Amino acid sequence: MDGIKYAVFTDKSIRLLGKNQYTSNVESGSTRTELKHWVELFFGVKVIAMNSHRLPGKGRRMGPIMGHTMHYRRMIITLQPGYSILPLRKKIKSKKEKNLNQNT
C-alpha cells in the first residue's frame, strides 16, 4: 500500500512509544479506516485509535517564483496493550544504544 510513507522519529514520537503509540507520515488522501485496516493486516496488531493532523507545506523559492512543497498528514496509531510493531522498536533501541555509547 502506498498510504504510509515512512515512520517518524522525533522526541515526541519516541516518548509516545512508551504509551504504545506509533507515529508515521501518510499520504494526504488516505483515510483513517483504510490505514487502520492496512496496519492491522500487515503488522498483525489490533488498533485502538488513530489520531491525525495535517502538516502544512513549506514555501520554496525558485528564482523569482515562490512555490511550496507538498503537505502531508501525520498519523499517531495507538495499539492495544500487548501488541507492538517490532521493526520500529528494534530501530529505536539501536539508536538509543548508539547514542549512549557515543556519550560515554
C-alpha atoms as a PDB file:
ATOM      1  CA  MET A   1       0.000   0.000   0.000  1.00  0.00           C
ATOM      2  CA  ASP A   2       1.214   3.477  -0.807  1.00  0.00           C
ATOM      3  CA  GLY A   3      -0.651   5.135   2.094  1.00  0.00           C
ATOM      4  CA  ILE A   4       2.107   5.096   4.704  1.00  0.00           C
ATOM      5  CA  LYS A   5       5.221   6.972   3.582  1.00  0.00           C
ATOM      6  CA  TYR A   6       7.629   6.451   6.481  1.00  0.00           C
ATOM      7  CA  ALA A   7       7.897   6.288  10.256  1.00  0.00           C
ATOM      8  CA  VAL A   8       8.671   9.484  12.156  1.00  0.00           C
ATOM      9  CA  PHE A   9      11.405   9.541  14.821  1.00  0.00           C
ATOM     10  CA  THR A  10      11.178  12.784  16.786  1.00  0.00           C
ATOM     11  CA  ASP A  11      11.490  13.363  20.532  1.00  0.00           C
ATOM     12  CA  LYS A  12       7.722  13.290  20.883  1.00  0.00           C
ATOM     13  CA  SER A  13       7.273  10.133  18.802  1.00  0.00           C
ATOM     14  CA  ILE A  14       9.947   8.312  20.820  1.00  0.00           C
ATOM     15  CA  ARG A  15       8.199   9.394  24.030  1.00  0.00           C
ATOM     16  CA  LEU A  16       4.864   8.118  22.657  1.00  0.00           C
ATOM     17  CA  LEU A  17       6.366   4.655  22.076  1.00  0.00           C
ATOM     18  CA  GLY A  18       6.177   4.185  25.854  1.00  0.00           C
ATOM     19  CA  LYS A  19       2.389   4.571  25.562  1.00  0.00           C
ATOM     20  CA  ASN A  20       2.272   2.019  22.713  1.00  0.00           C
ATOM     21  CA  GLN A  21       1.661   4.760  20.122  1.00  0.00           C
ATOM     22  CA  TYR A  22       3.450   4.804  16.770  1.00  0.00           C
ATOM     23  CA  THR A  23       3.868   7.854  14.533  1.00  0.00           C
ATOM     24  CA  SER A  24       4.186   7.911  10.749  1.00  0.00           C
ATOM     25  CA  ASN A  25       3.659  10.250   7.830  1.00  0.00           C
ATOM     26  CA  VAL A  26       0.976   9.165   5.388  1.00  0.00           C
ATOM     27  CA  GLU A  27      -0.461  10.254   2.049  1.00  0.00           C
ATOM     28  CA  SER A  28      -2.792  13.222   2.459  1.00  0.00           C
ATOM     29  CA  GLY A  29      -5.602  11.491   0.548  1.00  0.00           C
ATOM     30  CA  SER A  30      -5.730   8.269   2.581  1.00  0.00           C
ATOM     31  CA  THR A  31      -8.466   7.775   5.172  1.00  0.00           C
ATOM     32  CA  ARG A  32      -8.219   6.542   8.746  1.00  0.00           C
ATOM     33  CA  THR A  33     -10.249   3.411   8.073  1.00  0.00           C
ATOM     34  CA  GLU A  34      -8.033   2.438   5.122  1.00  0.00           C
ATOM     35  CA  LEU A  35      -4.885   2.905   7.171  1.00  0.00           C
ATOM     36  CA  LYS A  36      -6.305   1.110  10.214  1.00  0.00           C
ATOM     37  CA  HIS A  37      -7.305  -1.885   8.109  1.00  0.00           C
ATOM     38  CA  TRP A  38      -3.918  -1.975   6.375  1.00  0.00           C
ATOM     39  CA  VAL A  39      -1.895  -1.697   9.626  1.00  0.00           C
ATOM     40  CA  GLU A  40      -3.927  -4.476  11.258  1.00  0.00           C
ATOM     41  CA  LEU A  41      -3.430  -6.802   8.268  1.00  0.00           C
ATOM     42  CA  PHE A  42       0.207  -6.016   7.518  1.00  0.00           C
ATOM     43  CA  PHE A  43       1.619  -5.957  11.068  1.00  0.00           C
ATOM     44  CA  GLY A  44      -0.883  -8.346  12.699  1.00  0.00           C
ATOM     45  CA  VAL A  45      -1.774  -5.923  15.516  1.00  0.00           C
ATOM     46  CA  LYS A  46      -5.010  -4.544  16.968  1.00  0.00           C
ATOM     47  CA  VAL A  47      -5.502  -0.776  16.605  1.00  0.00           C
ATOM     48  CA  ILE A  48      -7.473   1.073  19.311  1.00  0.00           C
ATOM     49  CA  ALA A  49      -7.338   4.630  17.957  1.00  0.00           C
ATOM     50  CA  MET A  50      -5.835   6.732  15.191  1.00  0.00           C
ATOM     51  CA  ASN A  51      -5.208  10.454  15.546  1.00  0.00           C
ATOM     52  CA  SER A  52      -4.084  12.612  12.657  1.00  0.00           C
ATOM     53  CA  HIS A  53      -3.143  16.163  11.867  1.00  0.00           C
ATOM     54  CA  ARG A  54      -2.177  17.871   8.634  1.00  0.00           C
ATOM     55  CA  LEU A  55       1.273  19.388   8.393  1.00  0.00           C
ATOM     56  CA  PRO A  56       1.487  22.395   6.067  1.00  0.00           C
ATOM     57  CA  GLY A  57       3.781  22.522   3.057  1.00  0.00           C
ATOM     58  CA  LYS A  58       6.783  24.808   3.335  1.00  0.00           C
ATOM     59  CA  GLY A  59       7.445  27.693   0.970  1.00  0.00           C
ATOM     60  CA  ARG A  60      10.289  27.228  -1.506  1.00  0.00           C
ATOM     61  CA  ARG A  61      11.687  29.870  -3.823  1.00  0.00           C
ATOM     62  CA  MET A  62      12.964  29.023  -7.299  1.00  0.00           C
ATOM     63  CA  GLY A  63      14.350  32.323  -8.564  1.00  0.00           C
ATOM     64  CA  PRO A  64      11.582  34.933  -8.664  1.00  0.00           C
ATOM     65  CA  ILE A  65       8.833  32.317  -8.392  1.00  0.00           C
ATOM     66  CA  MET A  66       7.562  31.297  -4.970  1.00  0.00           C
ATOM     67  CA  GLY A  67       6.432  27.684  -4.782  1.00  0.00           C
ATOM     68  CA  HIS A  68       5.713  25.255  -1.976  1.00  0.00           C
ATOM     69  CA  THR A  69       6.360  21.662  -1.019  1.00  0.00           C
ATOM     70  CA  MET A  70       3.562  19.124  -0.748  1.00  0.00           C
ATOM     71  CA  HIS A  71       1.656  18.917   2.518  1.00  0.00           C
ATOM     72  CA  TYR A  72       1.133  15.592   4.222  1.00  0.00           C
ATOM     73  CA  ARG A  73      -0.622  14.075   7.209  1.00  0.00           C
ATOM     74  CA  ARG A  74       0.884  12.607  10.332  1.00  0.00           C
ATOM     75  CA  MET A  75      -0.908   9.678  11.975  1.00  0.00           C
ATOM     76  CA  ILE A  76      -0.485   8.585  15.581  1.00  0.00           C
ATOM     77  CA  ILE A  77      -1.578   4.949  15.820  1.00  0.00           C
ATOM     78  CA  THR A  78      -2.481   3.585  19.270  1.00  0.00           C
ATOM     79  CA  LEU A  79      -2.263  -0.189  19.686  1.00  0.00           C
ATOM     80  CA  GLN A  80      -3.904  -2.427  22.263  1.00  0.00           C
ATOM     81  CA  PRO A  81      -1.691  -3.408  25.220  1.00  0.00           C
ATOM     82  CA  GLY A  82       0.378  -6.477  24.426  1.00  0.00           C
ATOM     83  CA  TYR A  83       0.835  -5.608  20.729  1.00  0.00           C
ATOM     84  CA  SER A  84       3.818  -3.841  19.191  1.00  0.00           C
ATOM     85  CA  ILE A  85       5.355  -3.199  15.799  1.00  0.00           C
ATOM     86  CA  LEU A  86       8.727  -4.917  16.186  1.00  0.00           C
ATOM     87  CA  PRO A  87      10.837  -3.343  13.389  1.00  0.00           C
ATOM     88  CA  LEU A  88      10.230   0.117  14.850  1.00  0.00           C
ATOM     89  CA  ARG A  89      11.032  -0.994  18.410  1.00  0.00           C
ATOM     90  CA  LYS A  90      14.347  -2.532  17.321  1.00  0.00           C
ATOM     91  CA  LYS A  91      15.346   0.569  15.355  1.00  0.00           C
ATOM     92  CA  ILE A  92      14.634   2.901  18.288  1.00  0.00           C
ATOM     93  CA  LYS A  93      16.525   0.681  20.758  1.00  0.00           C
ATOM     94  CA  SER A  94      19.571   0.530  18.492  1.00  0.00           C
ATOM     95  CA  LYS A  95      19.541   4.345  18.129  1.00  0.00           C
ATOM     96  CA  LYS A  96      19.364   4.815  21.914  1.00  0.00           C
ATOM     97  CA  GLU A  97      22.219   2.340  22.495  1.00  0.00           C
ATOM     98  CA  LYS A  98      24.319   4.059  19.836  1.00  0.00           C
ATOM     99  CA  ASN A  99      23.777   7.466  21.479  1.00  0.00           C
ATOM    100  CA  LEU A 100      24.667   6.077  24.921  1.00  0.00           C
ATOM    101  CA  ASN A 101      27.891   4.555  23.581  1.00  0.00           C
ATOM    102  CA  GLN A 102      28.900   7.851  21.963  1.00  0.00           C
ATOM    103  CA  ASN A 103      28.278   9.818  25.173  1.00  0.00           C
ATOM    104  CA  THR A 104      30.479   7.561  27.322  1.00  0.00           C
END
